[in-house]
Amino acid sequence: YRHDGKIILMALIPGTTIEDISVSMTDEILTISGH
């Protein structure tokens, strides 16, 4: 969703910790990856 001119994304990935997840952006493509 959009809030105060920013785009906010929320992902629910059970069974992971923040250390297990990577977020990157290349050529305007956002990728969420992990293990």
Full PDB file with SEQRES, HELIX, SHEET, SSBOND, CRYST1, ORIGX, SCALE, CONECT and MASTER records, all heavy atoms in Angstrom:
SEQRES   1 A   35  TYR ARG HIS ASP GLY LYS ILE ILE LEU MET ALA LEU ILE          
SEQRES   2 A   35  PRO GLY THR THR ILE GLU ASP ILE SER VAL SER MET THR          
SEQRES   3 A   35  ASP GLU ILE LEU THR ILE SER GLY HIS                          
HELIX    1 AA1 ILE A   18  ASP A   20  5                                   3    
SHEET    1 AA1 2 ARG A   2  HIS A   3  0                                        
SHEET    2 AA1 2 LYS A   6  ILE A   7 -1                                        
SHEET    1 AA2 2 ILE A  21  THR A  26  0                                        
SHEET    2 AA2 2 ILE A  29  GLY A  34 -1                                        
CRYST1    1.000    1.000    1.000  90.00  90.00  90.00 P 1           1          
ORIGX1      1.000000  0.000000  0.000000        0.00000                         
ORIGX2      0.000000  1.000000  0.000000        0.00000                         
ORIGX3      0.000000  0.000000  1.000000        0.00000                         
SCALE1      1.000000  0.000000  0.000000        0.00000                         
SCALE2      0.000000  1.000000  0.000000        0.00000                         
SCALE3      0.000000  0.000000  1.000000        0.00000                         
ATOM      1  N   TYR A   1       0.840  -1.194   0.000  1.00  0.00           N  
ATOM      2  CA  TYR A   1       0.000   0.000   0.000  1.00  0.00           C  
ATOM      3  C   TYR A   1       0.877   1.246   0.000  1.00  0.00           C  
ATOM      4  O   TYR A   1       2.072   1.179   0.248  1.00  0.00           O  
ATOM      5  CB  TYR A   1      -0.959  -0.001   1.195  1.00  0.00           C  
ATOM      6  CG  TYR A   1      -0.285   0.028   2.555  1.00  0.00           C  
ATOM      7  CD1 TYR A   1      -0.078   1.224   3.220  1.00  0.00           C  
ATOM      8  CD2 TYR A   1       0.123  -1.150   3.175  1.00  0.00           C  
ATOM      9  CE1 TYR A   1       0.526   1.253   4.461  1.00  0.00           C  
ATOM     10  CE2 TYR A   1       0.726  -1.136   4.412  1.00  0.00           C  
ATOM     11  CZ  TYR A   1       0.929   0.077   5.054  1.00  0.00           C  
ATOM     12  OH  TYR A   1       1.532   0.099   6.281  1.00  0.00           O  
ATOM     13  N   ARG A   2       0.274   2.377  -0.313  1.00  0.00           N  
ATOM     14  CA  ARG A   2       0.957   3.666  -0.320  1.00  0.00           C  
ATOM     15  C   ARG A   2       0.577   4.418   0.954  1.00  0.00           C  
ATOM     16  O   ARG A   2      -0.590   4.461   1.347  1.00  0.00           O  
ATOM     17  CB  ARG A   2       0.536   4.462  -1.553  1.00  0.00           C  
ATOM     18  CG  ARG A   2       1.275   5.763  -1.731  1.00  0.00           C  
ATOM     19  CD  ARG A   2       0.747   6.584  -2.893  1.00  0.00           C  
ATOM     20  NE  ARG A   2       0.367   5.789  -4.043  1.00  0.00           N  
ATOM     21  CZ  ARG A   2       1.115   5.600  -5.124  1.00  0.00           C  
ATOM     22  NH1 ARG A   2       2.289   6.147  -5.219  1.00  0.00           N  
ATOM     23  NH2 ARG A   2       0.682   4.888  -6.135  1.00  0.00           N  
ATOM     24  N   HIS A   3       1.593   5.039   1.595  1.00  0.00           N  
ATOM     25  CA  HIS A   3       1.352   5.813   2.810  1.00  0.00           C  
ATOM     26  C   HIS A   3       2.372   6.947   2.868  1.00  0.00           C  
ATOM     27  O   HIS A   3       3.576   6.707   2.818  1.00  0.00           O  
ATOM     28  CB  HIS A   3       1.480   4.923   4.049  1.00  0.00           C  
ATOM     29  CG  HIS A   3       1.286   5.656   5.334  1.00  0.00           C  
ATOM     30  ND1 HIS A   3       0.045   6.118   5.732  1.00  0.00           N  
ATOM     31  CD2 HIS A   3       2.155   6.006   6.296  1.00  0.00           C  
ATOM     32  CE1 HIS A   3       0.166   6.720   6.894  1.00  0.00           C  
ATOM     33  NE2 HIS A   3       1.438   6.674   7.268  1.00  0.00           N  
ATOM     34  N   ASP A   4       1.893   8.159   2.951  1.00  0.00           N  
ATOM     35  CA  ASP A   4       2.755   9.347   3.016  1.00  0.00           C  
ATOM     36  C   ASP A   4       3.799   9.374   1.897  1.00  0.00           C  
ATOM     37  O   ASP A   4       4.965   9.679   2.120  1.00  0.00           O  
ATOM     38  CB  ASP A   4       3.458   9.440   4.376  1.00  0.00           C  
ATOM     39  CG  ASP A   4       2.509   9.820   5.502  1.00  0.00           C  
ATOM     40  OD1 ASP A   4       1.454  10.428   5.215  1.00  0.00           O  
ATOM     41  OD2 ASP A   4       2.820   9.504   6.667  1.00  0.00           O  
ATOM     42  N   GLY A   5       3.382   9.020   0.692  1.00  0.00           N  
ATOM     43  CA  GLY A   5       4.271   9.059  -0.453  1.00  0.00           C  
ATOM     44  C   GLY A   5       5.258   7.904  -0.531  1.00  0.00           C  
ATOM     45  O   GLY A   5       6.137   7.895  -1.386  1.00  0.00           O  
ATOM     46  N   LYS A   6       5.129   6.943   0.347  1.00  0.00           N  
ATOM     47  CA  LYS A   6       6.015   5.780   0.338  1.00  0.00           C  
ATOM     48  C   LYS A   6       5.210   4.538   0.008  1.00  0.00           C  
ATOM     49  O   LYS A   6       4.010   4.472   0.259  1.00  0.00           O  
ATOM     50  CB  LYS A   6       6.671   5.583   1.703  1.00  0.00           C  
ATOM     51  CG  LYS A   6       7.560   6.730   2.118  1.00  0.00           C  
ATOM     52  CD  LYS A   6       8.112   6.494   3.502  1.00  0.00           C  
ATOM     53  CE  LYS A   6       8.929   7.699   3.945  1.00  0.00           C  
ATOM     54  NZ  LYS A   6       9.394   7.548   5.320  1.00  0.00           N  
ATOM     55  N   ILE A   7       5.860   3.540  -0.569  1.00  0.00           N  
ATOM     56  CA  ILE A   7       5.221   2.253  -0.825  1.00  0.00           C  
ATOM     57  C   ILE A   7       5.641   1.301   0.282  1.00  0.00           C  
ATOM     58  O   ILE A   7       6.840   1.115   0.538  1.00  0.00           O  
ATOM     59  CB  ILE A   7       5.614   1.697  -2.205  1.00  0.00           C  
ATOM     60  CG1 ILE A   7       5.082   2.645  -3.290  1.00  0.00           C  
ATOM     61  CG2 ILE A   7       5.083   0.287  -2.384  1.00  0.00           C  
ATOM     62  CD1 ILE A   7       5.522   2.296  -4.679  1.00  0.00           C  
ATOM     63  N   ILE A   8       4.675   0.737   0.957  1.00  0.00           N  
ATOM     64  CA  ILE A   8       4.910  -0.178   2.069  1.00  0.00           C  
ATOM     65  C   ILE A   8       4.525  -1.589   1.628  1.00  0.00           C  
ATOM     66  O   ILE A   8       3.420  -1.807   1.133  1.00  0.00           O  
ATOM     67  CB  ILE A   8       4.056   0.208   3.306  1.00  0.00           C  
ATOM     68  CG1 ILE A   8       4.211   1.693   3.649  1.00  0.00           C  
ATOM     69  CG2 ILE A   8       4.364  -0.709   4.477  1.00  0.00           C  
ATOM     70  CD1 ILE A   8       5.590   2.105   4.059  1.00  0.00           C  
ATOM     71  N   LEU A   9       5.447  -2.537   1.773  1.00  0.00           N  
ATOM     72  CA  LEU A   9       5.182  -3.935   1.474  1.00  0.00           C  
ATOM     73  C   LEU A   9       5.352  -4.746   2.755  1.00  0.00           C  
ATOM     74  O   LEU A   9       6.299  -4.527   3.507  1.00  0.00           O  
ATOM     75  CB  LEU A   9       6.139  -4.465   0.409  1.00  0.00           C  
ATOM     76  CG  LEU A   9       6.091  -3.779  -0.942  1.00  0.00           C  
ATOM     77  CD1 LEU A   9       7.179  -4.337  -1.845  1.00  0.00           C  
ATOM     78  CD2 LEU A   9       4.732  -3.959  -1.586  1.00  0.00           C  
ATOM     79  N   MET A  10       4.429  -5.667   2.979  1.00  0.00           N  
ATOM     80  CA  MET A  10       4.508  -6.569   4.128  1.00  0.00           C  
ATOM     81  C   MET A  10       4.428  -7.993   3.601  1.00  0.00           C  
ATOM     82  O   MET A  10       3.532  -8.318   2.828  1.00  0.00           O  
ATOM     83  CB  MET A  10       3.349  -6.317   5.096  1.00  0.00           C  
ATOM     84  CG  MET A  10       3.313  -4.917   5.649  1.00  0.00           C  
ATOM     85  SD  MET A  10       1.989  -4.622   6.845  1.00  0.00           S  
ATOM     86  CE  MET A  10       0.564  -5.316   6.060  1.00  0.00           C  
ATOM     87  N   ALA A  11       5.383  -8.830   4.006  1.00  0.00           N  
ATOM     88  CA  ALA A  11       5.399 -10.231   3.585  1.00  0.00           C  
ATOM     89  C   ALA A  11       5.310 -11.109   4.823  1.00  0.00           C  
ATOM     90  O   ALA A  11       5.983 -10.861   5.818  1.00  0.00           O  
ATOM     91  CB  ALA A  11       6.674 -10.544   2.815  1.00  0.00           C  
ATOM     92  N   LEU A  12       4.469 -12.128   4.741  1.00  0.00           N  
ATOM     93  CA  LEU A  12       4.321 -13.090   5.828  1.00  0.00           C  
ATOM     94  C   LEU A  12       5.017 -14.378   5.397  1.00  0.00           C  
ATOM     95  O   LEU A  12       4.553 -15.070   4.497  1.00  0.00           O  
ATOM     96  CB  LEU A  12       2.838 -13.338   6.115  1.00  0.00           C  
ATOM     97  CG  LEU A  12       2.515 -14.294   7.241  1.00  0.00           C  
ATOM     98  CD1 LEU A  12       3.089 -13.802   8.559  1.00  0.00           C  
ATOM     99  CD2 LEU A  12       1.008 -14.452   7.357  1.00  0.00           C  
ATOM    100  N   ILE A  13       6.167 -14.666   6.018  1.00  0.00           N  
ATOM    101  CA  ILE A  13       6.964 -15.834   5.650  1.00  0.00           C  
ATOM    102  C   ILE A  13       7.240 -16.631   6.923  1.00  0.00           C  
ATOM    103  O   ILE A  13       8.283 -16.468   7.559  1.00  0.00           O  
ATOM    104  CB  ILE A  13       8.277 -15.424   4.950  1.00  0.00           C  
ATOM    105  CG1 ILE A  13       7.999 -14.402   3.846  1.00  0.00           C  
ATOM    106  CG2 ILE A  13       8.983 -16.656   4.400  1.00  0.00           C  
ATOM    107  CD1 ILE A  13       9.250 -13.798   3.236  1.00  0.00           C  
ATOM    108  N   PRO A  14       6.295 -17.473   7.329  1.00  0.00           N  
ATOM    109  CA  PRO A  14       6.479 -18.204   8.586  1.00  0.00           C  
ATOM    110  C   PRO A  14       7.658 -19.168   8.512  1.00  0.00           C  
ATOM    111  O   PRO A  14       8.020 -19.655   7.442  1.00  0.00           O  
ATOM    112  CB  PRO A  14       5.162 -18.963   8.750  1.00  0.00           C  
ATOM    113  CG  PRO A  14       4.569 -19.038   7.400  1.00  0.00           C  
ATOM    114  CD  PRO A  14       5.064 -17.840   6.647  1.00  0.00           C  
ATOM    115  N   GLY A  15       8.252 -19.412   9.672  1.00  0.00           N  
ATOM    116  CA  GLY A  15       9.363 -20.349   9.747  1.00  0.00           C  
ATOM    117  C   GLY A  15      10.698 -19.743   9.381  1.00  0.00           C  
ATOM    118  O   GLY A  15      11.665 -20.461   9.178  1.00  0.00           O  
ATOM    119  N   THR A  16      10.761 -18.410   9.270  1.00  0.00           N  
ATOM    120  CA  THR A  16      12.014 -17.728   8.953  1.00  0.00           C  
ATOM    121  C   THR A  16      12.286 -16.653   9.994  1.00  0.00           C  
ATOM    122  O   THR A  16      11.401 -16.237  10.734  1.00  0.00           O  
ATOM    123  CB  THR A  16      11.972 -17.065   7.567  1.00  0.00           C  
ATOM    124  OG1 THR A  16      10.947 -16.072   7.556  1.00  0.00           O  
ATOM    125  CG2 THR A  16      11.728 -18.064   6.465  1.00  0.00           C  
ATOM    126  N   THR A  17      13.531 -16.207  10.029  1.00  0.00           N  
ATOM    127  CA  THR A  17      13.900 -15.039  10.821  1.00  0.00           C  
ATOM    128  C   THR A  17      14.372 -13.964   9.847  1.00  0.00           C  
ATOM    129  O   THR A  17      14.588 -14.242   8.653  1.00  0.00           O  
ATOM    130  CB  THR A  17      15.035 -15.364  11.811  1.00  0.00           C  
ATOM    131  OG1 THR A  17      16.218 -15.694  11.062  1.00  0.00           O  
ATOM    132  CG2 THR A  17      14.666 -16.523  12.724  1.00  0.00           C  
ATOM    133  N   ILE A  18      14.552 -12.773  10.323  1.00  0.00           N  
ATOM    134  CA  ILE A  18      14.993 -11.676   9.458  1.00  0.00           C  
ATOM    135  C   ILE A  18      16.355 -11.990   8.845  1.00  0.00           C  
ATOM    136  O   ILE A  18      16.650 -11.582   7.725  1.00  0.00           O  
ATOM    137  CB  ILE A  18      14.991 -10.325  10.226  1.00  0.00           C  
ATOM    138  CG1 ILE A  18      15.109  -9.156   9.259  1.00  0.00           C  
ATOM    139  CG2 ILE A  18      16.081 -10.290  11.272  1.00  0.00           C  
ATOM    140  CD1 ILE A  18      13.904  -8.925   8.403  1.00  0.00           C  
ATOM    141  N   GLU A  19      17.179 -12.769   9.543  1.00  0.00           N  
ATOM    142  CA  GLU A  19      18.482 -13.152   9.020  1.00  0.00           C  
ATOM    143  C   GLU A  19      18.367 -14.122   7.846  1.00  0.00           C  
ATOM    144  O   GLU A  19      19.300 -14.267   7.056  1.00  0.00           O  
ATOM    145  CB  GLU A  19      19.349 -13.778  10.115  1.00  0.00           C  
ATOM    146  CG  GLU A  19      19.773 -12.804  11.199  1.00  0.00           C  
ATOM    147  CD  GLU A  19      18.699 -12.581  12.268  1.00  0.00           C  
ATOM    148  OE1 GLU A  19      17.720 -13.363  12.322  1.00  0.00           O  
ATOM    149  OE2 GLU A  19      18.840 -11.616  13.032  1.00  0.00           O  
ATOM    150  N   ASP A  20      17.235 -14.823   7.707  1.00  0.00           N  
ATOM    151  CA  ASP A  20      17.019 -15.791   6.628  1.00  0.00           C  
ATOM    152  C   ASP A  20      16.529 -15.139   5.340  1.00  0.00           C  
ATOM    153  O   ASP A  20      16.398 -15.817   4.323  1.00  0.00           O  
ATOM    154  CB  ASP A  20      15.968 -16.834   7.038  1.00  0.00           C  
ATOM    155  CG  ASP A  20      16.395 -17.669   8.222  1.00  0.00           C  
ATOM    156  OD1 ASP A  20      17.604 -17.974   8.336  1.00  0.00           O  
ATOM    157  OD2 ASP A  20      15.523 -18.031   9.034  1.00  0.00           O  
ATOM    158  N   ILE A  21      16.226 -13.834   5.364  1.00  0.00           N  
ATOM    159  CA  ILE A  21      15.557 -13.166   4.248  1.00  0.00           C  
ATOM    160  C   ILE A  21      16.440 -12.061   3.681  1.00  0.00           C  
ATOM    161  O   ILE A  21      17.102 -11.336   4.422  1.00  0.00           O  
ATOM    162  CB  ILE A  21      14.204 -12.579   4.715  1.00  0.00           C  
ATOM    163  CG1 ILE A  21      13.298 -13.702   5.202  1.00  0.00           C  
ATOM    164  CG2 ILE A  21      13.537 -11.786   3.606  1.00  0.00           C  
ATOM    165  CD1 ILE A  21      12.057 -13.224   5.887  1.00  0.00           C  
ATOM    166  N   SER A  22      16.409 -11.925   2.351  1.00  0.00           N  
ATOM    167  CA  SER A  22      17.136 -10.868   1.664  1.00  0.00           C  
ATOM    168  C   SER A  22      16.162 -10.115   0.760  1.00  0.00           C  
ATOM    169  O   SER A  22      15.317 -10.729   0.113  1.00  0.00           O  
ATOM    170  CB  SER A  22      18.263 -11.478   0.832  1.00  0.00           C  
ATOM    171  OG  SER A  22      18.891 -10.480   0.053  1.00  0.00           O  
ATOM    172  N   VAL A  23      16.273  -8.800   0.710  1.00  0.00           N  
ATOM    173  CA  VAL A  23      15.447  -7.969  -0.163  1.00  0.00           C  
ATOM    174  C   VAL A  23      16.389  -7.164  -1.048  1.00  0.00           C  
ATOM    175  O   VAL A  23      17.321  -6.528  -0.560  1.00  0.00           O  
ATOM    176  CB  VAL A  23      14.540  -7.020   0.655  1.00  0.00           C  
ATOM    177  CG1 VAL A  23      13.722  -6.133  -0.253  1.00  0.00           C  
ATOM    178  CG2 VAL A  23      13.638  -7.816   1.589  1.00  0.00           C  
ATOM    179  N   SER A  24      16.148  -7.216  -2.374  1.00  0.00           N  
ATOM    180  CA  SER A  24      17.003  -6.472  -3.297  1.00  0.00           C  
ATOM    181  C   SER A  24      16.150  -5.857  -4.400  1.00  0.00           C  
ATOM    182  O   SER A  24      15.020  -6.275  -4.633  1.00  0.00           O  
ATOM    183  CB  SER A  24      18.068  -7.384  -3.903  1.00  0.00           C  
ATOM    184  OG  SER A  24      17.471  -8.407  -4.665  1.00  0.00           O  
ATOM    185  N   MET A  25      16.726  -4.860  -5.076  1.00  0.00           N  
ATOM    186  CA  MET A  25      16.038  -4.223  -6.184  1.00  0.00           C  
ATOM    187  C   MET A  25      17.038  -4.038  -7.314  1.00  0.00           C  
ATOM    188  O   MET A  25      18.106  -3.463  -7.116  1.00  0.00           O  
ATOM    189  CB  MET A  25      15.465  -2.876  -5.768  1.00  0.00           C  
ATOM    190  CG  MET A  25      14.605  -2.237  -6.792  1.00  0.00           C  
ATOM    191  SD  MET A  25      13.189  -1.554  -5.945  1.00  0.00           S  
ATOM    192  CE  MET A  25      12.211  -1.036  -7.286  1.00  0.00           C  
ATOM    193  N   THR A  26      16.692  -4.574  -8.509  1.00  0.00           N  
ATOM    194  CA  THR A  26      17.534  -4.473  -9.692  1.00  0.00           C  
ATOM    195  C   THR A  26      16.647  -4.137 -10.884  1.00  0.00           C  
ATOM    196  O   THR A  26      15.654  -4.819 -11.119  1.00  0.00           O  
ATOM    197  CB  THR A  26      18.258  -5.816  -9.958  1.00  0.00           C  
ATOM    198  OG1 THR A  26      18.976  -6.189  -8.783  1.00  0.00           O  
ATOM    199  CG2 THR A  26      19.213  -5.690 -11.126  1.00  0.00           C  
ATOM    200  N   ASP A  27      17.008  -3.075 -11.605  1.00  0.00           N  
ATOM    201  CA  ASP A  27      16.236  -2.662 -12.788  1.00  0.00           C  
ATOM    202  C   ASP A  27      14.749  -2.553 -12.476  1.00  0.00           C  
ATOM    203  O   ASP A  27      13.911  -3.075 -13.208  1.00  0.00           O  
ATOM    204  CB  ASP A  27      16.461  -3.638 -13.953  1.00  0.00           C  
ATOM    205  CG  ASP A  27      17.898  -3.649 -14.427  1.00  0.00           C  
ATOM    206  OD1 ASP A  27      18.549  -2.592 -14.340  1.00  0.00           O  
ATOM    207  OD2 ASP A  27      18.360  -4.716 -14.873  1.00  0.00           O  
ATOM    208  N   GLU A  28      14.413  -1.925 -11.367  1.00  0.00           N  
ATOM    209  CA  GLU A  28      13.030  -1.701 -10.921  1.00  0.00           C  
ATOM    210  C   GLU A  28      12.271  -2.983 -10.604  1.00  0.00           C  
ATOM    211  O   GLU A  28      11.043  -3.001 -10.603  1.00  0.00           O  
ATOM    212  CB  GLU A  28      12.267  -0.859 -11.949  1.00  0.00           C  
ATOM    213  CG  GLU A  28      12.857   0.521 -12.133  1.00  0.00           C  
ATOM    214  CD  GLU A  28      12.052   1.380 -13.078  1.00  0.00           C  
ATOM    215  OE1 GLU A  28      10.914   1.004 -13.437  1.00  0.00           O  
ATOM    216  OE2 GLU A  28      12.554   2.447 -13.455  1.00  0.00           O  
ATOM    217  N   ILE A  29      12.985  -4.086 -10.350  1.00  0.00           N  
ATOM    218  CA  ILE A  29      12.351  -5.347  -9.942  1.00  0.00           C  
ATOM    219  C   ILE A  29      12.769  -5.644  -8.511  1.00  0.00           C  
ATOM    220  O   ILE A  29      13.955  -5.802  -8.211  1.00  0.00           O  
ATOM    221  CB  ILE A  29      12.756  -6.505 -10.873  1.00  0.00           C  
ATOM    222  CG1 ILE A  29      12.268  -6.216 -12.291  1.00  0.00           C  
ATOM    223  CG2 ILE A  29      12.197  -7.822 -10.354  1.00  0.00           C  
ATOM    224  CD1 ILE A  29      12.745  -7.224 -13.312  1.00  0.00           C  
ATOM    225  N   LEU A  30      11.787  -5.704  -7.638  1.00  0.00           N  
ATOM    226  CA  LEU A  30      12.027  -6.022  -6.232  1.00  0.00           C  
ATOM    227  C   LEU A  30      11.999  -7.533  -6.070  1.00  0.00           C  
ATOM    228  O   LEU A  30      11.085  -8.200  -6.570  1.00  0.00           O  
ATOM    229  CB  LEU A  30      10.946  -5.389  -5.352  1.00  0.00           C  
ATOM    230  CG  LEU A  30      11.055  -5.695  -3.870  1.00  0.00           C  
ATOM    231  CD1 LEU A  30      12.238  -4.941  -3.273  1.00  0.00           C  
ATOM    232  CD2 LEU A  30       9.776  -5.322  -3.167  1.00  0.00           C  
ATOM    233  N   THR A  31      12.985  -8.079  -5.389  1.00  0.00           N  
ATOM    234  CA  THR A  31      13.047  -9.518  -5.142  1.00  0.00           C  
ATOM    235  C   THR A  31      13.182  -9.773  -3.649  1.00  0.00           C  
ATOM    236  O   THR A  31      14.010  -9.155  -2.976  1.00  0.00           O  
ATOM    237  CB  THR A  31      14.237 -10.165  -5.878  1.00  0.00           C  
ATOM    238  OG1 THR A  31      14.068  -9.972  -7.279  1.00  0.00           O  
ATOM    239  CG2 THR A  31      14.329 -11.653  -5.585  1.00  0.00           C  
ATOM    240  N   ILE A  32      12.348 -10.657  -3.147  1.00  0.00           N  
ATOM    241  CA  ILE A  32      12.446 -11.139  -1.769  1.00  0.00           C  
ATOM    242  C   ILE A  32      12.890 -12.592  -1.862  1.00  0.00           C  
ATOM    243  O   ILE A  32      12.242 -13.400  -2.533  1.00  0.00           O  
ATOM    244  CB  ILE A  32      11.098 -11.038  -1.034  1.00  0.00           C  
ATOM    245  CG1 ILE A  32      10.630  -9.584  -0.984  1.00  0.00           C  
ATOM    246  CG2 ILE A  32      11.209 -11.621   0.373  1.00  0.00           C  
ATOM    247  CD1 ILE A  32       9.227  -9.405  -0.446  1.00  0.00           C  
ATOM    248  N   SER A  33      14.013 -12.908  -1.232  1.00  0.00           N  
ATOM    249  CA  SER A  33      14.532 -14.267  -1.295  1.00  0.00           C  
ATOM    250  C   SER A  33      15.017 -14.688   0.077  1.00  0.00           C  
ATOM    251  O   SER A  33      15.169 -13.862   0.978  1.00  0.00           O  
ATOM    252  CB  SER A  33      15.664 -14.366  -2.318  1.00  0.00           C  
ATOM    253  OG  SER A  33      16.724 -13.503  -1.957  1.00  0.00           O  
ATOM    254  N   GLY A  34      15.241 -15.973   0.217  1.00  0.00           N  
ATOM    255  CA  GLY A  34      15.741 -16.457   1.492  1.00  0.00           C  
ATOM    256  C   GLY A  34      15.785 -17.964   1.544  1.00  0.00           C  
ATOM    257  O   GLY A  34      15.730 -18.646   0.520  1.00  0.00           O  
ATOM    258  N   HIS A  35      15.858 -18.456   2.762  1.00  0.00           N  
ATOM    259  CA  HIS A  35      15.973 -19.891   2.991  1.00  0.00           C  
ATOM    260  C   HIS A  35      15.191 -20.237   4.252  1.00  0.00           C  
ATOM    261  O   HIS A  35      15.389 -19.630   5.297  1.00  0.00           O  
ATOM    262  CB  HIS A  35      17.449 -20.267   3.177  1.00  0.00           C  
ATOM    263  CG  HIS A  35      17.688 -21.727   3.160  1.00  0.00           C  
ATOM    264  ND1 HIS A  35      17.667 -22.481   4.295  1.00  0.00           N  
ATOM    265  CD2 HIS A  35      17.943 -22.576   2.138  1.00  0.00           C  
ATOM    266  CE1 HIS A  35      17.920 -23.736   3.988  1.00  0.00           C  
ATOM    267  NE2 HIS A  35      18.081 -23.827   2.679  1.00  0.00           N  
TER     268      HIS A  35                                                      
MASTER        0    0    0    1    4    0    0    6  267    1    0    3          
END                                                                             
